[in-house]
PDB file of N, CA and C in Angstrom:
ATOM      1  N   UNK A   1       0.758  -1.114  -0.135  1.00  0.00           N
ATOM      2  CA  UNK A   1       0.133   0.279  -0.079  1.00  0.00           C
ATOM      3  C   UNK A   1       0.982   1.086  -0.020  1.00  0.00           C
ATOM      4  N   UNK A   2       0.062   2.340  -0.457  1.00  0.00           N
ATOM      5  CA  UNK A   2       1.034   3.719  -0.357  1.00  0.00           C
ATOM      6  C   UNK A   2       0.160   4.748  -0.082  1.00  0.00           C
ATOM      7  N   UNK A   3       0.368   5.598   0.650  1.00  0.00           N
ATOM      8  CA  UNK A   3      -0.382   6.744   1.135  1.00  0.00           C
ATOM      9  C   UNK A   3       0.297   8.071   0.874  1.00  0.00           C
ATOM     10  N   UNK A   4      -0.512   8.541   0.001  1.00  0.00           N
ATOM     11  CA  UNK A   4      -0.258  10.332  -0.547  1.00  0.00           C
ATOM     12  C   UNK A   4      -0.099  10.894   0.600  1.00  0.00           C
ATOM     13  N   UNK A   5       0.661  11.474   1.243  1.00  0.00           N
ATOM     14  CA  UNK A   5       0.630  11.968   2.865  1.00  0.00           C
ATOM     15  C   UNK A   5       1.424  13.282   2.832  1.00  0.00           C
ATOM     16  N   UNK A   6       0.940  14.328   3.439  1.00  0.00           N
ATOM     17  CA  UNK A   6       1.574  15.639   3.888  1.00  0.00           C
ATOM     18  C   UNK A   6       1.632  16.038   5.475  1.00  0.00           C
ATOM     19  N   UNK A   7       2.994  15.904   6.129  1.00  0.00           N
ATOM     20  CA  UNK A   7       3.059  15.685   7.449  1.00  0.00           C
ATOM     21  C   UNK A   7       1.960  16.447   8.107  1.00  0.00           C
ATOM     22  N   UNK A   8       1.953  17.874   7.292  1.00  0.00           N
ATOM     23  CA  UNK A   8       1.348  19.013   8.058  1.00  0.00           C
ATOM     24  C   UNK A   8      -0.447  18.573   8.298  1.00  0.00           C
ATOM     25  N   UNK A   9      -0.994  17.483   7.654  1.00  0.00           N
ATOM     26  CA  UNK A   9      -2.231  17.065   7.204  1.00  0.00           C
ATOM     27  C   UNK A   9      -2.634  16.304   8.982  1.00  0.00           C
ATOM     28  N   UNK A  10      -3.512  16.584   9.369  1.00  0.00           N
ATOM     29  CA  UNK A  10      -4.312  15.992  10.607  1.00  0.00           C
ATOM     30  C   UNK A  10      -4.798  14.699   9.910  1.00  0.00           C
ATOM     31  N   UNK A  11      -5.522  14.789   8.998  1.00  0.00           N
ATOM     32  CA  UNK A  11      -6.449  13.784   8.293  1.00  0.00           C
ATOM     33  C   UNK A  11      -5.358  12.853   8.010  1.00  0.00           C
ATOM     34  N   UNK A  12      -4.272  13.097   7.215  1.00  0.00           N
ATOM     35  CA  UNK A  12      -2.925  12.161   6.884  1.00  0.00           C
ATOM     36  C   UNK A  12      -2.464  11.445   8.458  1.00  0.00           C
ATOM     37  N   UNK A  13      -2.180  12.142   9.340  1.00  0.00           N
ATOM     38  CA  UNK A  13      -1.573  11.627  10.374  1.00  0.00           C
ATOM     39  C   UNK A  13      -3.063  10.373  10.836  1.00  0.00           C
ATOM     40  N   UNK A  14      -4.060  11.128  11.000  1.00  0.00           N
ATOM     41  CA  UNK A  14      -4.950  10.022  11.325  1.00  0.00           C
ATOM     42  C   UNK A  14      -4.881   8.687  10.617  1.00  0.00           C
ATOM     43  N   UNK A  15      -4.983   9.068   9.161  1.00  0.00           N
ATOM     44  CA  UNK A  15      -4.743   7.648   8.338  1.00  0.00           C
ATOM     45  C   UNK A  15      -3.578   6.850   8.620  1.00  0.00           C
ATOM     46  N   UNK A  16      -2.649   7.368   8.590  1.00  0.00           N
ATOM     47  CA  UNK A  16      -1.273   6.364   8.870  1.00  0.00           C
ATOM     48  C   UNK A  16      -1.675   5.909  10.108  1.00  0.00           C
ATOM     49  N   UNK A  17      -2.103   6.360  11.247  1.00  0.00           N
ATOM     50  CA  UNK A  17      -2.681   5.839  12.770  1.00  0.00           C
ATOM     51  C   UNK A  17      -3.503   4.490  12.318  1.00  0.00           C
ATOM     52  N   UNK A  18      -4.115   4.811  11.500  1.00  0.00           N
ATOM     53  CA  UNK A  18      -5.328   3.948  11.404  1.00  0.00           C
ATOM     54  C   UNK A  18      -4.625   2.634  10.584  1.00  0.00           C
ATOM     55  N   UNK A  19      -4.031   2.772   9.455  1.00  0.00           N
ATOM     56  CA  UNK A  19      -3.172   1.954   8.738  1.00  0.00           C
ATOM     57  C   UNK A  19      -2.572   0.959  10.042  1.00  0.00           C
ATOM     58  N   UNK A  20      -1.504   1.621  10.802  1.00  0.00           N
ATOM     59  CA  UNK A  20      -0.508   1.282  11.839  1.00  0.00           C
ATOM     60  C   UNK A  20      -1.808   0.153  13.039  1.00  0.00           C
ATOM     61  N   UNK A  21      -2.624   0.727  13.282  1.00  0.00           N
ATOM     62  CA  UNK A  21      -3.510   0.176  14.224  1.00  0.00           C
ATOM     63  C   UNK A  21      -4.210  -1.350  13.324  1.00  0.00           C
ATOM     64  N   UNK A  22      -4.202  -1.389  11.929  1.00  0.00           N
ATOM     65  CA  UNK A  22      -4.738  -2.290  11.030  1.00  0.00           C
ATOM     66  C   UNK A  22      -3.318  -3.261  11.047  1.00  0.00           C
ATOM     67  N   UNK A  23      -2.221  -3.067  11.197  1.00  0.00           N
ATOM     68  CA  UNK A  23      -1.252  -3.949  10.847  1.00  0.00           C
ATOM     69  C   UNK A  23      -0.972  -3.774   9.351  1.00  0.00           C
ATOM     70  N   UNK A  24      -0.868  -2.842   8.661  1.00  0.00           N
ATOM     71  CA  UNK A  24      -0.893  -2.772   7.401  1.00  0.00           C
ATOM     72  C   UNK A  24       0.538  -2.216   6.995  1.00  0.00           C
ATOM     73  N   UNK A  25       1.160  -2.849   6.215  1.00  0.00           N
ATOM     74  CA  UNK A  25       2.346  -2.823   5.613  1.00  0.00           C
ATOM     75  C   UNK A  25       2.376  -1.652   4.564  1.00  0.00           C
ATOM     76  N   UNK A  26       2.832  -0.303   4.389  1.00  0.00           N
ATOM     77  CA  UNK A  26       2.726   0.727   3.581  1.00  0.00           C
ATOM     78  C   UNK A  26       3.747   1.590   3.699  1.00  0.00           C
ATOM     79  N   UNK A  27       3.688   2.120   2.315  1.00  0.00           N
ATOM     80  CA  UNK A  27       4.712   3.409   2.115  1.00  0.00           C
ATOM     81  C   UNK A  27       4.009   4.441   2.225  1.00  0.00           C
ATOM     82  N   UNK A  28       4.391   5.694   3.029  1.00  0.00           N
ATOM     83  CA  UNK A  28       4.097   6.932   2.716  1.00  0.00           C
ATOM     84  C   UNK A  28       5.301   7.887   1.876  1.00  0.00           C
ATOM     85  N   UNK A  29       4.532   8.630   0.718  1.00  0.00           N
ATOM     86  CA  UNK A  29       4.560   9.394  -0.071  1.00  0.00           C
ATOM     87  C   UNK A  29       4.270  10.694   0.113  1.00  0.00           C
ATOM     88  N   UNK A  30       5.450  11.747   0.230  1.00  0.00           N
ATOM     89  CA  UNK A  30       5.259  13.140   0.661  1.00  0.00           C
ATOM     90  C   UNK A  30       5.243  13.691  -0.702  1.00  0.00           C
ATOM     91  N   UNK A  31       3.802  13.457  -1.124  1.00  0.00           N
ATOM     92  CA  UNK A  31       3.743  13.860  -2.352  1.00  0.00           C
ATOM     93  C   UNK A  31       4.047  15.389  -3.015  1.00  0.00           C
ATOM     94  N   UNK A  32       4.245  16.287  -1.829  1.00  0.00           N
ATOM     95  CA  UNK A  32       4.967  17.425  -2.168  1.00  0.00           C
ATOM     96  C   UNK A  32       6.498  17.751  -2.236  1.00  0.00           C
ATOM     97  N   UNK A  33       7.088  16.477  -1.572  1.00  0.00           N
ATOM     98  CA  UNK A  33       8.560  16.391  -1.921  1.00  0.00           C
ATOM     99  C   UNK A  33       8.820  15.496  -3.185  1.00  0.00           C
ATOM    100  N   UNK A  34       7.997  14.412  -3.199  1.00  0.00           N
ATOM    101  CA  UNK A  34       8.013  13.614  -4.215  1.00  0.00           C
ATOM    102  C   UNK A  34       6.580  13.428  -5.202  1.00  0.00           C
ATOM    103  N   UNK A  35       6.265  14.529  -5.719  1.00  0.00           N
ATOM    104  CA  UNK A  35       5.346  14.719  -6.654  1.00  0.00           C
ATOM    105  C   UNK A  35       5.152  13.877  -7.641  1.00  0.00           C
ATOM    106  N   UNK A  36       3.829  13.215  -7.985  1.00  0.00           N
ATOM    107  CA  UNK A  36       3.673  12.294  -8.724  1.00  0.00           C
ATOM    108  C   UNK A  36       3.495  12.798 -10.400  1.00  0.00           C
ATOM    109  N   UNK A  37       3.954  11.806 -11.314  1.00  0.00           N
ATOM    110  CA  UNK A  37       4.135  11.837 -12.758  1.00  0.00           C
ATOM    111  C   UNK A  37       2.899  12.191 -13.409  1.00  0.00           C
ATOM    112  N   UNK A  38       2.533  12.695 -14.777  1.00  0.00           N
ATOM    113  CA  UNK A  38       1.401  12.774 -15.448  1.00  0.00           C
ATOM    114  C   UNK A  38       1.163  11.190 -15.726  1.00  0.00           C
ATOM    115  N   UNK A  39       1.516  10.354 -15.512  1.00  0.00           N
ATOM    116  CA  UNK A  39       1.075   8.828 -15.754  1.00  0.00           C
ATOM    117  C   UNK A  39       0.855   8.340 -14.542  1.00  0.00           C
ATOM    118  N   UNK A  40       1.740   8.765 -13.349  1.00  0.00           N
ATOM    119  CA  UNK A  40       0.838   8.337 -11.921  1.00  0.00           C
ATOM    120  C   UNK A  40      -0.181   8.747 -11.769  1.00  0.00           C
ATOM    121  N   UNK A  41      -0.598  10.038 -12.440  1.00  0.00           N
ATOM    122  CA  UNK A  41      -1.888  10.634 -11.592  1.00  0.00           C
ATOM    123  C   UNK A  41      -3.074  10.179 -12.605  1.00  0.00           C
ATOM    124  N   UNK A  42      -2.527   9.763 -13.584  1.00  0.00           N
ATOM    125  CA  UNK A  42      -3.685   9.032 -14.378  1.00  0.00           C
ATOM    126  C   UNK A  42      -4.414   7.509 -13.955  1.00  0.00           C
ATOM    127  N   UNK A  43      -3.123   6.998 -13.860  1.00  0.00           N
ATOM    128  CA  UNK A  43      -3.436   5.383 -12.928  1.00  0.00           C
ATOM    129  C   UNK A  43      -4.199   5.935 -11.620  1.00  0.00           C
ATOM    130  N   UNK A  44      -3.791   6.931 -10.975  1.00  0.00           N
ATOM    131  CA  UNK A  44      -4.449   7.352  -9.545  1.00  0.00           C
ATOM    132  C   UNK A  44      -5.793   7.329  -9.716  1.00  0.00           C
ATOM    133  N   UNK A  45      -6.341   8.187 -10.885  1.00  0.00           N
ATOM    134  CA  UNK A  45      -7.347   8.355 -11.223  1.00  0.00           C
ATOM    135  C   UNK A  45      -8.249   7.381 -11.734  1.00  0.00           C
ATOM    136  N   UNK A  46      -7.974   6.216 -12.371  1.00  0.00           N
ATOM    137  CA  UNK A  46      -8.369   5.125 -12.681  1.00  0.00           C
ATOM    138  C   UNK A  46      -8.379   3.769 -11.560  1.00  0.00           C
ATOM    139  N   UNK A  47      -7.704   4.276 -10.456  1.00  0.00           N
ATOM    140  CA  UNK A  47      -8.056   3.802  -9.493  1.00  0.00           C
ATOM    141  C   UNK A  47      -8.970   3.808  -8.752  1.00  0.00           C
ATOM    142  N   UNK A  48      -8.969   5.500  -8.328  1.00  0.00           N
ATOM    143  CA  UNK A  48      -9.779   6.079  -7.481  1.00  0.00           C
ATOM    144  C   UNK A  48     -11.580   6.140  -8.510  1.00  0.00           C
ATOM    145  N   UNK A  49     -11.185   5.632  -9.913  1.00  0.00           N
ATOM    146  CA  UNK A  49     -12.458   5.780 -10.818  1.00  0.00           C
ATOM    147  C   UNK A  49     -13.290   7.137 -10.542  1.00  0.00           C
ATOM    148  N   UNK A  50     -12.313   8.479 -10.783  1.00  0.00           N
ATOM    149  CA  UNK A  50     -12.838   9.600 -10.501  1.00  0.00           C
ATOM    150  C   UNK A  50     -12.190  10.725 -12.048  1.00  0.00           C
ATOM    151  N   UNK A  51     -12.745  11.915 -11.775  1.00  0.00           N
ATOM    152  CA  UNK A  51     -12.097  12.717 -12.557  1.00  0.00           C
ATOM    153  C   UNK A  51     -11.094  13.667 -12.081  1.00  0.00           C
ATOM    154  N   UNK A  52     -10.273  14.598 -12.748  1.00  0.00           N
ATOM    155  CA  UNK A  52      -9.443  14.827 -11.858  1.00  0.00           C
ATOM    156  C   UNK A  52      -9.909  15.927 -11.226  1.00  0.00           C
ATOM    157  N   UNK A  53     -10.883  16.748 -11.387  1.00  0.00           N
ATOM    158  CA  UNK A  53     -11.781  17.625 -10.454  1.00  0.00           C
ATOM    159  C   UNK A  53     -11.599  17.260  -8.989  1.00  0.00           C
ATOM    160  N   UNK A  54     -12.109  15.732  -8.826  1.00  0.00           N
ATOM    161  CA  UNK A  54     -12.496  15.010  -7.991  1.00  0.00           C
ATOM    162  C   UNK A  54     -11.434  14.808  -6.744  1.00  0.00           C
ATOM    163  N   UNK A  55     -10.205  15.009  -7.616  1.00  0.00           N
ATOM    164  CA  UNK A  55      -9.014  15.132  -6.320  1.00  0.00           C
ATOM    165  C   UNK A  55      -8.289  16.291  -5.915  1.00  0.00           C
ATOM    166  N   UNK A  56      -8.903  17.340  -6.363  1.00  0.00           N
ATOM    167  CA  UNK A  56      -8.407  18.541  -6.327  1.00  0.00           C
ATOM    168  C   UNK A  56      -9.062  19.370  -4.855  1.00  0.00           C
ATOM    169  N   UNK A  57      -8.160  19.885  -4.331  1.00  0.00           N
ATOM    170  CA  UNK A  57      -8.737  20.667  -3.053  1.00  0.00           C
ATOM    171  C   UNK A  57      -9.071  22.061  -3.433  1.00  0.00           C
ATOM    172  N   UNK A  58     -10.191  22.216  -3.773  1.00  0.00           N
ATOM    173  CA  UNK A  58     -10.922  23.416  -4.320  1.00  0.00           C
ATOM    174  C   UNK A  58     -10.710  24.652  -3.271  1.00  0.00           C
ATOM    175  N   UNK A  59     -10.598  24.390  -2.079  1.00  0.00           N
ATOM    176  CA  UNK A  59     -10.464  25.478  -1.256  1.00  0.00           C
ATOM    177  C   UNK A  59      -8.856  26.211  -0.971  1.00  0.00           C
ATOM    178  N   UNK A  60      -8.029  25.439  -1.908  1.00  0.00           N
ATOM    179  CA  UNK A  60      -6.808  25.842  -1.563  1.00  0.00           C
ATOM    180  C   UNK A  60      -6.658  26.987  -2.709  1.00  0.00           C
ATOM    181  N   UNK A  61      -5.712  27.832  -1.788  1.00  0.00           N
ATOM    182  CA  UNK A  61      -5.601  29.237  -2.339  1.00  0.00           C
ATOM    183  C   UNK A  61      -5.149  29.510  -3.932  1.00  0.00           C
ATOM    184  N   UNK A  62      -3.903  28.509  -4.151  1.00  0.00           N
ATOM    185  CA  UNK A  62      -3.692  28.407  -5.596  1.00  0.00           C
ATOM    186  C   UNK A  62      -4.911  28.339  -6.617  1.00  0.00           C
ATOM    187  N   UNK A  63      -5.519  27.013  -6.212  1.00  0.00           N
ATOM    188  CA  UNK A  63      -6.889  26.968  -7.074  1.00  0.00           C
ATOM    189  C   UNK A  63      -7.931  28.008  -7.052  1.00  0.00           C
ATOM    190  N   UNK A  64      -7.987  28.725  -5.844  1.00  0.00           N
ATOM    191  CA  UNK A  64      -8.991  29.912  -5.940  1.00  0.00           C
ATOM    192  C   UNK A  64      -8.581  30.925  -6.841  1.00  0.00           C
ATOM    193  N   UNK A  65      -6.891  31.309  -6.961  1.00  0.00           N
ATOM    194  CA  UNK A  65      -6.266  32.087  -7.434  1.00  0.00           C
ATOM    195  C   UNK A  65      -6.197  31.964  -9.018  1.00  0.00           C
ATOM    196  N   UNK A  66      -6.105  30.965  -9.297  1.00  0.00           N
ATOM    197  CA  UNK A  66      -5.466  30.445 -10.905  1.00  0.00           C
ATOM    198  C   UNK A  66      -6.573  29.542 -11.261  1.00  0.00           C
ATOM    199  N   UNK A  67      -7.498  29.279 -10.737  1.00  0.00           N
ATOM    200  CA  UNK A  67      -8.555  28.082 -11.824  1.00  0.00           C
ATOM    201  C   UNK A  67      -9.853  28.192 -11.475  1.00  0.00           C
ATOM    202  N   UNK A  68     -10.246  28.532 -10.208  1.00  0.00           N
ATOM    203  CA  UNK A  68     -11.752  28.887  -9.725  1.00  0.00           C
ATOM    204  C   UNK A  68     -12.220  29.356 -10.930  1.00  0.00           C
ATOM    205  N   UNK A  69     -13.832  28.929 -11.481  1.00  0.00           N
ATOM    206  CA  UNK A  69     -14.276  29.677 -12.027  1.00  0.00           C
ATOM    207  C   UNK A  69     -14.259  29.096 -13.799  1.00  0.00           C
ATOM    208  N   UNK A  70     -13.088  29.052 -14.034  1.00  0.00           N
ATOM    209  CA  UNK A  70     -12.754  28.693 -15.505  1.00  0.00           C
ATOM    210  C   UNK A  70     -13.142  27.144 -15.853  1.00  0.00           C
ATOM    211  N   UNK A  71     -13.093  26.918 -16.994  1.00  0.00           N
ATOM    212  CA  UNK A  71     -14.162  26.114 -17.592  1.00  0.00           C
ATOM    213  C   UNK A  71     -12.437  25.126 -18.178  1.00  0.00           C
ATOM    214  N   UNK A  72     -12.087  23.714 -17.332  1.00  0.00           N
ATOM    215  CA  UNK A  72     -10.954  23.252 -17.571  1.00  0.00           C
ATOM    216  C   UNK A  72     -11.204  22.077 -18.205  1.00  0.00           C
ATOM    217  N   UNK A  73     -10.523  21.633 -19.195  1.00  0.00           N
ATOM    218  CA  UNK A  73     -10.284  20.302 -19.566  1.00  0.00           C
ATOM    219  C   UNK A  73      -9.738  19.306 -18.427  1.00  0.00           C
ATOM    220  N   UNK A  74      -9.982  18.064 -18.525  1.00  0.00           N
ATOM    221  CA  UNK A  74      -9.246  16.733 -17.486  1.00  0.00           C
ATOM    222  C   UNK A  74      -7.805  17.241 -18.008  1.00  0.00           C
ATOM    223  N   UNK A  75      -7.222  17.111 -18.929  1.00  0.00           N
ATOM    224  CA  UNK A  75      -5.672  17.056 -19.418  1.00  0.00           C
ATOM    225  C   UNK A  75      -5.291  18.648 -18.314  1.00  0.00           C
ATOM    226  N   UNK A  76      -6.157  19.641 -18.873  1.00  0.00           N
ATOM    227  CA  UNK A  76      -5.771  21.057 -17.612  1.00  0.00           C
ATOM    228  C   UNK A  76      -5.432  20.783 -16.566  1.00  0.00           C
ATOM    229  N   UNK A  77      -6.518  20.016 -15.864  1.00  0.00           N
ATOM    230  CA  UNK A  77      -6.823  19.762 -14.532  1.00  0.00           C
ATOM    231  C   UNK A  77      -5.251  19.165 -14.183  1.00  0.00           C
ATOM    232  N   UNK A  78      -5.261  18.245 -14.769  1.00  0.00           N
ATOM    233  CA  UNK A  78      -4.016  17.179 -14.418  1.00  0.00           C
ATOM    234  C   UNK A  78      -2.706  17.960 -14.752  1.00  0.00           C
ATOM    235  N   UNK A  79      -2.670  18.638 -15.454  1.00  0.00           N
ATOM    236  CA  UNK A  79      -1.495  19.610 -15.879  1.00  0.00           C
ATOM    237  C   UNK A  79      -1.278  20.548 -14.370  1.00  0.00           C
ATOM    238  N   UNK A  80      -2.444  21.053 -14.079  1.00  0.00           N
ATOM    239  CA  UNK A  80      -2.354  22.117 -12.873  1.00  0.00           C
ATOM    240  C   UNK A  80      -1.656  21.045 -11.552  1.00  0.00           C
ATOM    241  N   UNK A  81      -2.236  19.831 -11.574  1.00  0.00           N
ATOM    242  CA  UNK A  81      -2.069  19.033 -10.270  1.00  0.00           C
ATOM    243  C   UNK A  81      -0.371  18.719 -10.129  1.00  0.00           C
ATOM    244  N   UNK A  82      -0.140  18.682 -11.528  1.00  0.00           N
ATOM    245  CA  UNK A  82       1.603  18.554 -11.848  1.00  0.00           C
ATOM    246  C   UNK A  82       2.141  19.850 -11.349  1.00  0.00           C
ATOM    247  N   UNK A  83       1.618  20.638 -11.958  1.00  0.00           N
ATOM    248  CA  UNK A  83       2.416  22.070 -11.511  1.00  0.00           C
ATOM    249  C   UNK A  83       2.270  22.414 -10.036  1.00  0.00           C
ATOM    250  N   UNK A  84       1.435  22.107  -9.283  1.00  0.00           N
ATOM    251  CA  UNK A  84       0.860  22.306  -7.917  1.00  0.00           C
ATOM    252  C   UNK A  84       0.331  21.457  -7.086  1.00  0.00           C
ATOM    253  N   UNK A  85       1.369  20.286  -6.760  1.00  0.00           N
ATOM    254  CA  UNK A  85       0.615  19.302  -6.105  1.00  0.00           C
ATOM    255  C   UNK A  85       0.059  19.591  -5.015  1.00  0.00           C
ATOM    256  N   UNK A  86       0.226  20.965  -4.235  1.00  0.00           N
ATOM    257  CA  UNK A  86      -0.573  21.024  -3.287  1.00  0.00           C
ATOM    258  C   UNK A  86      -2.020  20.834  -3.000  1.00  0.00           C
ATOM    259  N   UNK A  87      -2.475  21.036  -5.034  1.00  0.00           N
ATOM    260  CA  UNK A  87      -4.051  20.695  -5.096  1.00  0.00           C
ATOM    261  C   UNK A  87      -4.206  19.399  -5.016  1.00  0.00           C
ATOM    262  N   UNK A  88      -3.365  18.512  -4.441  1.00  0.00           N
ATOM    263  CA  UNK A  88      -4.063  16.994  -4.242  1.00  0.00           C
ATOM    264  C   UNK A  88      -4.687  16.999  -3.066  1.00  0.00           C
ATOM    265  N   UNK A  89      -5.988  16.111  -3.057  1.00  0.00           N
ATOM    266  CA  UNK A  89      -6.821  16.051  -1.899  1.00  0.00           C
ATOM    267  C   UNK A  89      -6.068  14.763  -1.180  1.00  0.00           C
ATOM    268  N   UNK A  90      -5.937  14.918   0.084  1.00  0.00           N
ATOM    269  CA  UNK A  90      -5.331  13.983   0.906  1.00  0.00           C
ATOM    270  C   UNK A  90      -6.270  13.336   2.147  1.00  0.00           C
ATOM    271  N   UNK A  91      -5.742  12.388   2.684  1.00  0.00           N
ATOM    272  CA  UNK A  91      -4.714  11.220   2.232  1.00  0.00           C
ATOM    273  C   UNK A  91      -5.241  10.655   1.116  1.00  0.00           C
ATOM    274  N   UNK A  92      -4.503  10.149   0.227  1.00  0.00           N
ATOM    275  CA  UNK A  92      -5.067   9.226  -0.938  1.00  0.00           C
ATOM    276  C   UNK A  92      -4.273   7.641  -0.272  1.00  0.00           C
ATOM    277  N   UNK A  93      -4.931   6.582  -0.404  1.00  0.00           N
ATOM    278  CA  UNK A  93      -4.496   5.099  -0.088  1.00  0.00           C
ATOM    279  C   UNK A  93      -4.620   4.368  -1.489  1.00  0.00           C
ATOM    280  N   UNK A  94      -3.186   3.780  -1.678  1.00  0.00           N
ATOM    281  CA  UNK A  94      -3.524   2.901  -2.691  1.00  0.00           C
ATOM    282  C   UNK A  94      -3.032   1.550  -2.412  1.00  0.00           C
ATOM    283  N   UNK A  95      -3.995   0.640  -2.773  1.00  0.00           N
ATOM    284  CA  UNK A  95      -3.784  -0.998  -2.171  1.00  0.00           C
ATOM    285  C   UNK A  95      -4.194  -1.599  -3.661  1.00  0.00           C
ATOM    286  N   UNK A  96      -3.173  -2.093  -4.094  1.00  0.00           N
ATOM    287  CA  UNK A  96      -3.125  -2.750  -5.510  1.00  0.00           C
ATOM    288  C   UNK A  96      -3.844  -1.823  -6.891  1.00  0.00           C
ATOM    289  N   UNK A  97      -4.627  -2.452  -6.704  1.00  0.00           N
ATOM    290  CA  UNK A  97      -5.709  -1.817  -8.168  1.00  0.00           C
ATOM    291  C   UNK A  97      -6.645  -0.756  -7.643  1.00  0.00           C
ATOM    292  N   UNK A  98      -6.578  -0.609  -6.382  1.00  0.00           N
ATOM    293  CA  UNK A  98      -7.676  -0.037  -5.481  1.00  0.00           C
ATOM    294  C   UNK A  98      -7.133   1.280  -5.094  1.00  0.00           C
ATOM    295  N   UNK A  99      -7.894   2.562  -4.896  1.00  0.00           N
ATOM    296  CA  UNK A  99      -7.425   3.670  -4.006  1.00  0.00           C
ATOM    297  C   UNK A  99      -8.568   4.068  -3.587  1.00  0.00           C
ATOM    298  N   UNK A 100      -8.425   4.945  -2.585  1.00  0.00           N
ATOM    299  CA  UNK A 100      -9.690   6.011  -1.775  1.00  0.00           C
ATOM    300  C   UNK A 100      -8.893   7.040  -1.371  1.00  0.00           C
ATOM    301  N   UNK A 101      -9.954   8.346  -1.472  1.00  0.00           N
ATOM    302  CA  UNK A 101      -9.181   9.210  -0.969  1.00  0.00           C
ATOM    303  C   UNK A 101     -10.093   8.970   0.928  1.00  0.00           C
ATOM    304  N   UNK A 102      -8.964   9.258   1.671  1.00  0.00           N
ATOM    305  CA  UNK A 102      -9.310   9.219   3.020  1.00  0.00           C
ATOM    306  C   UNK A 102      -9.847  10.288   3.760  1.00  0.00           C
ATOM    307  N   UNK A 103     -11.262  10.329   3.474  1.00  0.00           N
ATOM    308  CA  UNK A 103     -11.621  11.768   4.198  1.00  0.00           C
ATOM    309  C   UNK A 103     -13.156  11.619   4.422  1.00  0.00           C
ATOM    310  N   UNK A 104     -13.600  10.680   5.351  1.00  0.00           N
ATOM    311  CA  UNK A 104     -12.890  10.916   6.452  1.00  0.00           C
ATOM    312  C   UNK A 104     -11.816   9.391   6.663  1.00  0.00           C
ATOM    313  N   UNK A 105     -10.926   9.451   7.519  1.00  0.00           N
ATOM    314  CA  UNK A 105      -9.930   8.421   7.405  1.00  0.00           C
ATOM    315  C   UNK A 105     -10.399   7.009   7.439  1.00  0.00           C
ATOM    316  N   UNK A 106     -11.598   6.877   8.231  1.00  0.00           N
ATOM    317  CA  UNK A 106     -12.057   5.519   8.584  1.00  0.00           C
ATOM    318  C   UNK A 106     -12.631   5.066   7.000  1.00  0.00           C
ATOM    319  N   UNK A 107     -12.722   5.655   6.177  1.00  0.00           N
ATOM    320  CA  UNK A 107     -13.102   4.885   4.677  1.00  0.00           C
ATOM    321  C   UNK A 107     -11.942   4.374   4.252  1.00  0.00           C
ATOM    322  N   UNK A 108     -10.678   4.385   4.699  1.00  0.00           N
ATOM    323  CA  UNK A 108      -9.532   3.571   4.380  1.00  0.00           C
ATOM    324  C   UNK A 108      -9.743   2.278   4.674  1.00  0.00           C
ATOM    325  N   UNK A 109     -10.775   1.851   5.577  1.00  0.00           N
ATOM    326  CA  UNK A 109     -11.021   0.458   5.803  1.00  0.00           C
ATOM    327  C   UNK A 109     -11.443  -0.255   4.777  1.00  0.00           C
ATOM    328  N   UNK A 110     -12.342   0.551   4.102  1.00  0.00           N
ATOM    329  CA  UNK A 110     -13.139   0.085   2.618  1.00  0.00           C
ATOM    330  C   UNK A 110     -11.909  -0.810   1.770  1.00  0.00           C
ATOM    331  N   UNK A 111     -10.871  -0.406   1.814  1.00  0.00           N
ATOM    332  CA  UNK A 111     -10.119  -1.026   0.813  1.00  0.00           C
ATOM    333  C   UNK A 111      -8.710  -2.026   1.548  1.00  0.00           C
ATOM    334  N   UNK A 112      -8.764  -2.126   2.887  1.00  0.00           N
ATOM    335  CA  UNK A 112      -7.668  -2.927   3.387  1.00  0.00           C
ATOM    336  C   UNK A 112      -7.895  -4.270   3.335  1.00  0.00           C
TER     337      UNK A 112
END
């Protein structure tokens, strides 16, 4: 398993605690220091079964300043995620071919 993680995020810390409580083996990926490439984002979206807009933090200041109210294609949204990885909703947990956005963190149990 892999968790897309931001150490400043309380939900990410809760998710790590939940994974540890369930004796899961997982890799922590600080996506701000090690951002996903375009191919990874597309694979992640497939595993999540969602569109790029669904994994974007719409209250993030960068999104509000640069993208709010604009009609953007999926490709443009992916480009925004690549340019500004802070836009990625968190935590995201990947378990094989499945993934889930852990908000609230208790949702993670669904893919364990």
